[in-house]
Amino acid sequence: MSGPPFPRGPVAGSNGIGFFIIGKSPIGSIIPFDMWSTVISQYADSPIITTLISNWLQYIDQTVDIDAFFDNIWNINTAQGYGLDVWGRIVGVTRTLTISTVRFFGVEEQGFTVDPFGQSPFFAGTPATANFNLSDSAFRTLIFAKALANITNGSIPSINQILLNLFPNRGNAFVTEPFPTTNFILQSNTFNNAPWTNTNCTVTPNSGTSPDGTNDAWLWQRSAFSGVFSGEDRAAVKTPTLQTWTYSIYARPGTGNFLALYMSDNDGNNNIQVTFNVATGIVSAPPIISNSGSSNFSNAKASITPAANGFFRCALTFLSTTSTMLRPYYNGNQNNSYLLGSDSFSTTTILVFGAQLESSDNAGPYVPTTTVPVTLNSGPNMTMTYTFNFQLTSVENAIVSNSGVLPRPVGVSASVVQI
């Protein structure tokens, strides 16, 4: 024993360029305690004393633990597992999100709980859980976004920045504030009352919990294979000028999973059709336009937005030119068919709620009506709309819809639109 080495070699946390020995030299970000600073020179060559001090240092040295604590818990940029769970509790988000997964990949013979390629996951032997745990990387992004949401001033630029942080390099994502809207559909949630007509189908009130939490959902049921629809023969009287309109209705699966929307004009020669899967929340049959002579309709697009109590809000947006009247219709089916198509079952059911037709480029807050159109300028039904020009995965949809990461004023709900 000849005392400490001299000159002293590099230690963890120091710049040991030229002296570092791979596999031998200490590593880490914290400079450890130097035991030799406690030994006076006359005992430097005592093997018993130096061995006791060296062993004692190894027993109580917390450098590795402190380093690990800093990297795995304290530093959010490198934290993992439990460390990120701690940060989630601090900012107010959880790693586990609720996701609706009720259908699987399969073939037609299995019935109507299956989807083709690209729509639903493979069946794993047990029903898919509605809870999904985010990976560390995704959860870290969510924590940063929620931390920003906690201190934001609630302005449009601030919320847009949160969206950019959540979905970098994915496309345009932005928020629009609540705006006054007029619902031109009469008896918007009284589907058995004029001007609604029900052809080869029946509607039953008070058949389920609606998106607003009341027992106001309607059970719509077929009584024929084809020629089945519900609609208004007069919904909106408009000037024959170029206007953007959005027709929307809330729907939830019954024995059928598909809602078909149909828009016609004053003479019935022009129409738009689109179909939605209200079990998985996708536009399952894209908008198609049929114009006969006047070319009244153009620029059709569809969106579907999760709502409360298992509902989705299905919306059809389009441009209308020469028509002076718009006539909205809908039906349900099990075959993903358009409204003018047929269904392989004559008793298919779906639940519906709250029809709306408005002069807007997206679905605004739902406005209940009775005998006249109603305009909403403010109130609890006002909705902030988060719009994405790219498709969200089910996990991403849960993040923006359920995690609370997107701020909104008290009493104002938020909807998500994908275009």
Protein backbone atom coordinates (compact mmCIF):
# COMPACT_ATOMS: atom_id res chain seq x y z
CA MET A 1 0.00 0.00 0.00
CA SER A 2 1.46 3.31 -1.05
CA GLY A 3 -1.46 5.70 -0.52
CA PRO A 4 -3.68 7.24 -3.20
CA PRO A 5 -2.57 7.26 -6.83
CA PHE A 6 -0.88 10.41 -7.98
CA PRO A 7 -1.68 12.28 -10.10
CA ARG A 8 -5.30 11.49 -9.41
CA GLY A 9 -7.27 9.93 -12.29
CA PRO A 10 -10.61 11.17 -13.64
CA VAL A 11 -13.71 10.80 -11.52
CA ALA A 12 -17.38 10.51 -12.46
CA GLY A 13 -18.76 13.84 -13.59
CA SER A 14 -15.36 15.22 -14.60
CA ASN A 15 -13.78 15.67 -17.99
CA GLY A 16 -11.37 12.72 -18.14
CA ILE A 17 -10.28 13.09 -21.77
CA GLY A 18 -7.05 11.23 -22.27
CA PHE A 19 -7.25 9.43 -18.92
CA PHE A 20 -10.51 7.45 -19.17
CA ILE A 21 -10.06 3.67 -19.12
CA ILE A 22 -13.03 1.77 -20.58
CA GLY A 23 -14.43 -0.69 -18.09
CA LYS A 24 -12.42 0.69 -15.17
CA SER A 25 -12.85 4.45 -14.86
CA PRO A 26 -15.98 5.59 -12.97
CA ILE A 27 -18.89 7.04 -14.93
CA GLY A 28 -21.87 9.18 -13.98
CA SER A 29 -22.96 12.79 -13.77
CA ILE A 30 -22.25 13.43 -10.07
CA ILE A 31 -18.72 13.90 -8.73
CA PRO A 32 -18.41 11.32 -5.92
CA PHE A 33 -17.03 11.97 -2.44
CA ASP A 34 -13.21 11.63 -2.28
CA MET A 35 -12.37 9.39 0.66
CA TRP A 36 -8.71 10.37 0.50
CA SER A 37 -9.58 13.90 1.54
CA THR A 38 -10.36 12.48 5.01
CA VAL A 39 -7.06 10.66 5.45
CA ILE A 40 -4.08 12.56 6.74
CA SER A 41 -0.73 11.70 5.23
CA GLN A 42 0.63 9.72 8.19
CA TYR A 43 -2.14 7.12 7.76
CA ALA A 44 -2.13 7.04 3.97
CA ASP A 45 -0.04 3.84 3.94
CA SER A 46 -2.04 2.05 6.65
CA PRO A 47 -3.82 -0.86 4.94
CA ILE A 48 -6.23 -1.40 7.83
CA ILE A 49 -7.39 2.22 8.09
CA THR A 50 -7.60 2.79 4.33
CA THR A 51 -9.46 -0.50 3.82
CA LEU A 52 -11.95 0.33 6.58
CA ILE A 53 -12.58 3.79 5.11
CA SER A 54 -12.86 2.45 1.57
CA ASN A 55 -15.35 -0.26 2.58
CA TRP A 56 -17.35 2.15 4.72
CA LEU A 57 -17.58 4.58 1.76
CA GLN A 58 -18.92 1.85 -0.50
CA TYR A 59 -21.54 0.93 2.09
CA ILE A 60 -22.98 4.43 2.54
CA ASP A 61 -22.19 6.15 -0.77
CA GLN A 62 -25.49 7.30 -2.35
CA THR A 63 -23.97 8.65 -5.56
CA VAL A 64 -25.43 5.90 -7.75
CA ASP A 65 -28.85 6.16 -6.09
CA ILE A 66 -28.95 9.93 -6.41
CA ASP A 67 -27.86 9.68 -10.03
CA ALA A 68 -30.60 7.13 -10.72
CA PHE A 69 -33.21 9.21 -8.87
CA PHE A 70 -32.32 12.27 -10.91
CA ASP A 71 -32.39 10.42 -14.23
CA ASN A 72 -35.43 8.19 -13.64
CA ILE A 73 -37.69 10.47 -11.57
CA TRP A 74 -36.56 14.07 -11.13
CA ASN A 75 -35.56 14.89 -14.73
CA ILE A 76 -38.75 14.67 -16.78
CA ASN A 77 -36.74 14.47 -20.01
CA THR A 78 -35.21 11.14 -18.94
CA ALA A 79 -37.75 9.88 -16.38
CA GLN A 80 -39.21 6.43 -16.92
CA GLY A 81 -42.06 4.31 -15.58
CA TYR A 82 -42.86 5.31 -12.02
CA GLY A 83 -41.05 8.64 -12.42
CA LEU A 84 -43.39 9.67 -15.24
CA ASP A 85 -46.37 8.47 -13.21
CA VAL A 86 -45.29 10.88 -10.45
CA TRP A 87 -45.05 13.74 -12.95
CA GLY A 88 -48.48 12.79 -14.31
CA ARG A 89 -50.01 13.15 -10.84
CA ILE A 90 -48.28 16.51 -10.41
CA VAL A 91 -49.69 18.03 -13.63
CA GLY A 92 -53.02 16.19 -13.49
CA VAL A 93 -53.02 13.45 -16.17
CA THR A 94 -52.89 9.67 -16.01
CA ARG A 95 -51.08 7.13 -18.14
CA THR A 96 -54.25 5.03 -18.55
CA LEU A 97 -56.80 6.31 -21.05
CA THR A 98 -60.22 4.90 -21.91
CA ILE A 99 -60.53 3.78 -25.52
CA SER A 100 -63.58 2.35 -27.25
CA THR A 101 -62.62 -0.93 -28.96
CA VAL A 102 -65.68 -3.08 -29.49
CA ARG A 103 -65.04 -4.61 -32.93
CA PHE A 104 -62.33 -6.80 -34.43
CA PHE A 105 -60.96 -7.87 -37.80
CA GLY A 106 -62.88 -10.77 -39.28
CA VAL A 107 -64.99 -12.06 -42.16
CA GLU A 108 -68.62 -11.42 -43.03
CA GLU A 109 -69.83 -14.86 -41.95
CA GLN A 110 -68.95 -14.06 -38.35
CA GLY A 111 -71.73 -11.49 -38.13
CA PHE A 112 -71.61 -7.80 -37.44
CA THR A 113 -69.01 -7.50 -34.71
CA VAL A 114 -66.17 -7.61 -37.25
CA ASP A 115 -64.52 -5.21 -39.68
CA PRO A 116 -62.29 -5.64 -42.77
CA PHE A 117 -58.58 -4.77 -42.96
CA GLY A 118 -57.47 -1.36 -41.73
CA GLN A 119 -60.39 -0.68 -39.40
CA SER A 120 -60.13 -2.88 -36.28
CA PRO A 121 -57.53 -5.02 -34.47
CA PHE A 122 -57.19 -8.82 -34.56
CA PHE A 123 -59.09 -10.72 -31.90
CA ALA A 124 -56.65 -11.86 -29.19
CA GLY A 125 -58.86 -14.47 -27.55
CA THR A 126 -60.43 -12.14 -25.02
CA PRO A 127 -62.40 -8.92 -25.51
CA ALA A 128 -60.19 -5.84 -25.81
CA THR A 129 -60.05 -3.75 -22.65
CA ALA A 130 -61.29 -0.19 -22.81
CA ASN A 131 -58.21 0.94 -20.86
CA PHE A 132 -54.93 1.64 -22.63
CA ASN A 133 -51.61 2.47 -20.98
CA LEU A 134 -49.52 5.03 -22.83
CA SER A 135 -45.88 4.28 -23.51
CA ASP A 136 -43.27 6.37 -21.70
CA SER A 137 -42.63 8.45 -24.83
CA ALA A 138 -46.32 9.18 -25.46
CA PHE A 139 -47.00 9.83 -21.78
CA ARG A 140 -44.05 12.26 -21.58
CA THR A 141 -45.52 14.24 -24.49
CA LEU A 142 -48.90 14.29 -22.77
CA ILE A 143 -47.33 15.51 -19.51
CA PHE A 144 -45.55 18.38 -21.28
CA ALA A 145 -48.78 19.34 -23.05
CA LYS A 146 -50.80 19.24 -19.81
CA ALA A 147 -48.17 21.28 -18.00
CA LEU A 148 -48.46 23.89 -20.73
CA ALA A 149 -52.25 23.74 -20.52
CA ASN A 150 -52.08 24.37 -16.76
CA ILE A 151 -50.33 27.70 -17.22
CA THR A 152 -51.80 28.82 -20.54
CA ASN A 153 -53.86 31.99 -20.77
CA GLY A 154 -56.46 30.10 -22.80
CA SER A 155 -55.89 32.09 -25.98
CA ILE A 156 -56.22 30.52 -29.42
CA PRO A 157 -52.43 30.82 -30.11
CA SER A 158 -51.63 29.10 -26.80
CA ILE A 159 -53.98 26.19 -27.44
CA ASN A 160 -52.71 25.86 -30.99
CA GLN A 161 -49.17 25.57 -29.59
CA ILE A 162 -50.30 22.69 -27.37
CA LEU A 163 -51.70 20.93 -30.44
CA LEU A 164 -48.44 21.45 -32.32
CA ASN A 165 -46.50 19.97 -29.40
CA LEU A 166 -48.81 16.95 -29.22
CA PHE A 167 -48.74 16.21 -32.96
CA PRO A 168 -45.52 17.59 -34.52
CA ASN A 169 -45.11 17.28 -38.28
CA ARG A 170 -48.50 15.61 -38.71
CA GLY A 171 -50.41 18.39 -40.47
CA ASN A 172 -52.66 21.27 -39.53
CA ALA A 173 -54.35 21.15 -36.15
CA PHE A 174 -56.21 24.13 -34.71
CA VAL A 175 -58.99 25.20 -32.37
CA THR A 176 -61.98 27.39 -33.18
CA GLU A 177 -63.93 29.31 -30.58
CA PRO A 178 -67.67 28.95 -29.96
CA PHE A 179 -69.74 30.88 -32.46
CA PRO A 180 -73.45 31.78 -32.82
CA THR A 181 -75.29 29.13 -34.81
CA THR A 182 -78.83 28.61 -36.09
CA ASN A 183 -80.46 25.19 -36.35
CA PHE A 184 -82.84 25.20 -39.33
CA ILE A 185 -84.20 21.70 -38.67
CA LEU A 186 -87.59 21.88 -36.98
CA GLN A 187 -88.51 19.48 -34.14
CA SER A 188 -84.80 18.66 -33.93
CA ASN A 189 -85.34 15.89 -31.38
CA THR A 190 -88.98 15.00 -31.95
CA PHE A 191 -88.59 12.54 -34.80
CA ASN A 192 -92.27 11.47 -34.80
CA ASN A 193 -93.61 14.98 -35.30
CA ALA A 194 -94.10 17.02 -38.49
CA PRO A 195 -92.24 18.07 -40.55
CA TRP A 196 -90.46 14.70 -39.98
CA THR A 197 -91.73 11.82 -42.10
CA ASN A 198 -90.84 8.18 -41.42
CA THR A 199 -91.09 5.86 -44.40
CA ASN A 200 -90.97 2.10 -43.78
CA CYS A 201 -89.57 2.70 -40.30
CA THR A 202 -90.66 3.59 -36.78
CA VAL A 203 -89.22 5.87 -34.10
CA THR A 204 -89.68 5.38 -30.35
CA PRO A 205 -88.93 8.21 -27.86
CA ASN A 206 -87.21 7.91 -24.47
CA SER A 207 -85.26 4.82 -25.53
CA GLY A 208 -81.86 5.52 -24.01
CA THR A 209 -79.54 8.02 -22.37
CA SER A 210 -78.69 10.77 -24.86
CA PRO A 211 -75.45 12.78 -25.14
CA ASP A 212 -76.87 15.46 -22.83
CA GLY A 213 -77.50 12.90 -20.05
CA THR A 214 -81.30 12.82 -20.34
CA ASN A 215 -83.47 9.88 -21.47
CA ASP A 216 -84.16 11.59 -24.80
CA ALA A 217 -82.54 9.21 -27.28
CA TRP A 218 -84.82 7.74 -29.97
CA LEU A 219 -84.89 4.13 -31.14
CA TRP A 220 -85.10 4.11 -34.93
CA GLN A 221 -86.15 0.77 -36.50
CA ARG A 222 -86.59 -0.50 -40.04
CA SER A 223 -89.72 -2.27 -41.23
CA ALA A 224 -88.43 -3.07 -44.74
CA PHE A 225 -85.26 -4.02 -46.57
CA SER A 226 -85.20 -0.96 -48.87
CA GLY A 227 -86.97 2.35 -49.42
CA VAL A 228 -86.43 3.16 -45.76
CA PHE A 229 -85.71 6.65 -44.46
CA SER A 230 -86.64 9.41 -42.03
CA GLY A 231 -86.42 13.04 -43.08
CA GLU A 232 -87.86 16.53 -43.33
CA ASP A 233 -89.57 17.64 -46.53
CA ARG A 234 -88.80 21.22 -45.60
CA ALA A 235 -85.76 21.97 -43.47
CA ALA A 236 -84.11 25.14 -44.70
CA VAL A 237 -85.32 27.81 -47.07
CA LYS A 238 -82.24 29.54 -48.49
CA THR A 239 -81.31 32.05 -51.12
CA PRO A 240 -80.02 30.57 -54.42
CA THR A 241 -76.44 31.63 -53.68
CA LEU A 242 -73.25 29.76 -52.82
CA GLN A 243 -73.40 28.74 -49.17
CA THR A 244 -71.67 26.17 -46.97
CA TRP A 245 -73.97 23.97 -44.90
CA THR A 246 -73.47 21.23 -42.31
CA TYR A 247 -76.05 18.55 -41.51
CA SER A 248 -75.39 16.56 -38.32
CA ILE A 249 -77.06 14.02 -36.07
CA TYR A 250 -75.97 12.02 -33.01
CA ALA A 251 -76.13 8.22 -33.31
CA ARG A 252 -75.29 5.08 -31.33
CA PRO A 253 -75.36 1.42 -32.40
CA GLY A 254 -78.46 -0.69 -31.97
CA THR A 255 -78.62 -3.97 -33.84
CA GLY A 256 -77.00 -2.02 -36.67
CA ASN A 257 -73.72 -0.12 -36.54
CA PHE A 258 -74.17 2.21 -39.51
CA LEU A 259 -75.88 5.59 -39.90
CA ALA A 260 -76.52 6.87 -43.43
CA LEU A 261 -77.09 10.59 -44.05
CA TYR A 262 -78.71 11.95 -47.22
CA MET A 263 -79.19 15.54 -48.35
CA SER A 264 -81.53 16.54 -51.17
CA ASP A 265 -82.60 19.86 -52.67
CA ASN A 266 -85.96 21.44 -53.51
CA ASP A 267 -86.72 19.34 -56.62
CA GLY A 268 -85.01 16.15 -55.40
CA ASN A 269 -82.81 15.83 -58.50
CA ASN A 270 -79.57 16.49 -56.63
CA ASN A 271 -78.32 14.67 -53.56
CA ILE A 272 -75.36 13.76 -51.35
CA GLN A 273 -74.95 10.47 -49.47
CA VAL A 274 -72.51 9.36 -46.78
CA THR A 275 -72.40 6.54 -44.21
CA PHE A 276 -70.78 6.34 -40.76
CA ASN A 277 -69.78 3.43 -38.53
CA VAL A 278 -71.09 4.55 -35.14
CA ALA A 279 -69.50 1.57 -33.37
CA THR A 280 -65.90 2.39 -34.34
CA GLY A 281 -66.24 6.12 -35.06
CA ILE A 282 -65.18 6.27 -38.72
CA VAL A 283 -66.60 7.52 -42.00
CA SER A 284 -67.23 4.07 -43.44
CA ALA A 285 -68.61 5.08 -46.88
CA PRO A 286 -67.32 8.45 -48.17
CA PRO A 287 -69.58 11.24 -49.46
CA ILE A 288 -70.87 10.81 -53.02
CA ILE A 289 -72.66 13.56 -54.97
CA SER A 290 -75.31 13.05 -57.62
CA ASN A 291 -76.27 16.21 -59.53
CA SER A 292 -78.85 16.15 -62.31
CA GLY A 293 -78.48 19.25 -64.44
CA SER A 294 -78.21 22.06 -61.89
CA SER A 295 -74.98 20.87 -60.17
CA ASN A 296 -76.31 22.19 -56.91
CA PHE A 297 -73.99 20.31 -54.53
CA SER A 298 -70.17 20.27 -54.34
CA ASN A 299 -67.21 20.04 -51.95
CA ALA A 300 -68.80 17.41 -49.72
CA LYS A 301 -66.86 16.18 -46.70
CA ALA A 302 -67.77 14.16 -43.62
CA SER A 303 -66.64 14.05 -40.01
CA ILE A 304 -67.48 11.95 -36.96
CA THR A 305 -66.89 13.09 -33.39
CA PRO A 306 -67.14 11.13 -30.11
CA ALA A 307 -69.91 12.32 -27.81
CA ALA A 308 -71.13 11.29 -24.37
CA ASN A 309 -72.89 8.04 -23.44
CA GLY A 310 -71.62 6.03 -26.41
CA PHE A 311 -72.84 8.40 -29.12
CA PHE A 312 -70.97 9.83 -32.09
CA ARG A 313 -71.90 13.06 -33.82
CA CYS A 314 -71.97 12.42 -37.56
CA ALA A 315 -71.73 15.47 -39.83
CA LEU A 316 -71.96 16.11 -43.58
CA THR A 317 -70.60 19.46 -44.83
CA PHE A 318 -71.18 20.68 -48.39
CA LEU A 319 -71.56 23.66 -50.72
CA SER A 320 -75.01 24.45 -52.10
CA THR A 321 -75.58 26.90 -54.95
CA THR A 322 -78.86 27.24 -56.85
CA SER A 323 -81.20 25.38 -54.50
CA THR A 324 -83.71 27.36 -52.45
CA MET A 325 -84.47 24.47 -50.10
CA LEU A 326 -82.55 21.67 -48.35
CA ARG A 327 -84.09 18.35 -47.27
CA PRO A 328 -82.13 16.19 -44.79
CA TYR A 329 -82.76 12.43 -44.34
CA TYR A 330 -81.19 9.53 -42.42
CA ASN A 331 -81.51 5.80 -41.83
CA GLY A 332 -79.69 2.93 -40.13
CA ASN A 333 -78.38 -0.33 -41.55
CA GLN A 334 -76.11 -3.30 -40.91
CA ASN A 335 -74.39 -3.44 -44.32
CA ASN A 336 -72.52 -0.11 -44.49
CA SER A 337 -74.84 0.91 -47.32
CA TYR A 338 -75.89 4.37 -48.45
CA LEU A 339 -79.41 5.56 -47.67
CA LEU A 340 -80.72 4.68 -51.13
CA GLY A 341 -79.27 1.17 -50.80
CA SER A 342 -80.84 -1.83 -49.14
CA ASP A 343 -80.17 -3.70 -45.90
CA SER A 344 -80.02 -7.46 -45.46
CA PHE A 345 -82.13 -7.13 -42.31
CA SER A 346 -85.60 -5.58 -42.22
CA THR A 347 -85.62 -4.84 -38.48
CA THR A 348 -82.30 -3.05 -38.00
CA THR A 349 -82.22 -0.51 -35.16
CA ILE A 350 -80.01 2.42 -34.16
CA LEU A 351 -80.37 5.17 -31.56
CA VAL A 352 -80.48 8.80 -32.70
CA PHE A 353 -80.59 12.21 -31.07
CA GLY A 354 -80.43 15.88 -31.97
CA ALA A 355 -80.56 16.61 -35.72
CA GLN A 356 -79.12 19.91 -36.87
CA LEU A 357 -78.73 21.83 -40.15
CA GLU A 358 -76.72 25.05 -40.07
CA SER A 359 -75.03 27.44 -42.45
CA SER A 360 -71.48 26.66 -41.34
CA ASP A 361 -68.38 24.75 -42.41
CA ASN A 362 -68.54 22.46 -39.33
CA ALA A 363 -71.03 21.22 -36.77
CA GLY A 364 -71.57 23.85 -34.10
CA PRO A 365 -73.11 23.37 -30.65
CA TYR A 366 -76.38 21.49 -30.76
CA VAL A 367 -79.40 23.83 -30.68
CA PRO A 368 -82.76 22.23 -29.77
CA THR A 369 -85.73 23.42 -31.83
CA THR A 370 -89.50 22.95 -31.92
CA THR A 371 -91.66 24.83 -34.45
CA VAL A 372 -89.17 27.49 -35.63
CA PRO A 373 -85.40 27.68 -36.25
CA VAL A 374 -83.43 28.69 -33.16
CA THR A 375 -80.19 30.68 -32.92
CA LEU A 376 -77.71 30.06 -30.10
CA ASN A 377 -75.46 32.99 -29.19
CA SER A 378 -74.14 31.72 -25.85
CA GLY A 379 -74.82 29.13 -23.18
CA PRO A 380 -73.78 25.70 -21.88
CA ASN A 381 -74.09 24.09 -25.34
CA MET A 382 -71.32 26.24 -26.81
CA THR A 383 -68.48 24.07 -28.08
CA MET A 384 -64.82 24.66 -28.79
CA THR A 385 -63.88 22.62 -31.83
CA TYR A 386 -60.44 21.02 -32.23
CA THR A 387 -59.93 20.35 -35.93
CA PHE A 388 -57.30 18.00 -37.41
CA ASN A 389 -56.61 17.61 -41.13
CA PHE A 390 -55.15 14.17 -40.43
CA GLN A 391 -56.63 11.00 -38.96
CA LEU A 392 -56.13 10.41 -35.24
CA THR A 393 -55.50 6.94 -33.90
CA SER A 394 -57.82 5.68 -31.18
CA VAL A 395 -55.11 6.46 -28.61
CA GLU A 396 -54.63 10.00 -29.94
CA ASN A 397 -58.37 10.50 -29.98
CA ALA A 398 -58.49 9.46 -26.32
CA ILE A 399 -55.69 11.91 -25.52
CA VAL A 400 -57.48 14.92 -27.01
CA SER A 401 -60.97 13.84 -25.86
CA ASN A 402 -60.52 12.30 -22.42
CA SER A 403 -57.21 13.35 -20.87
CA GLY A 404 -58.13 16.94 -20.07
CA VAL A 405 -55.00 18.18 -21.83
CA LEU A 406 -56.93 20.62 -24.04
CA PRO A 407 -58.19 23.57 -21.96
CA ARG A 408 -61.65 25.06 -22.29
CA PRO A 409 -63.70 27.59 -20.31
CA VAL A 410 -66.04 26.36 -17.57
CA GLY A 411 -69.37 25.32 -19.07
CA VAL A 412 -68.02 25.01 -22.61
CA SER A 413 -67.62 21.54 -24.07
CA ALA A 414 -65.04 20.47 -26.64
CA SER A 415 -65.47 18.45 -29.80
CA VAL A 416 -62.91 16.86 -32.10
CA VAL A 417 -63.26 16.99 -35.89
CA GLN A 418 -61.03 15.12 -38.37
CA ILE A 419 -61.05 16.25 -42.01
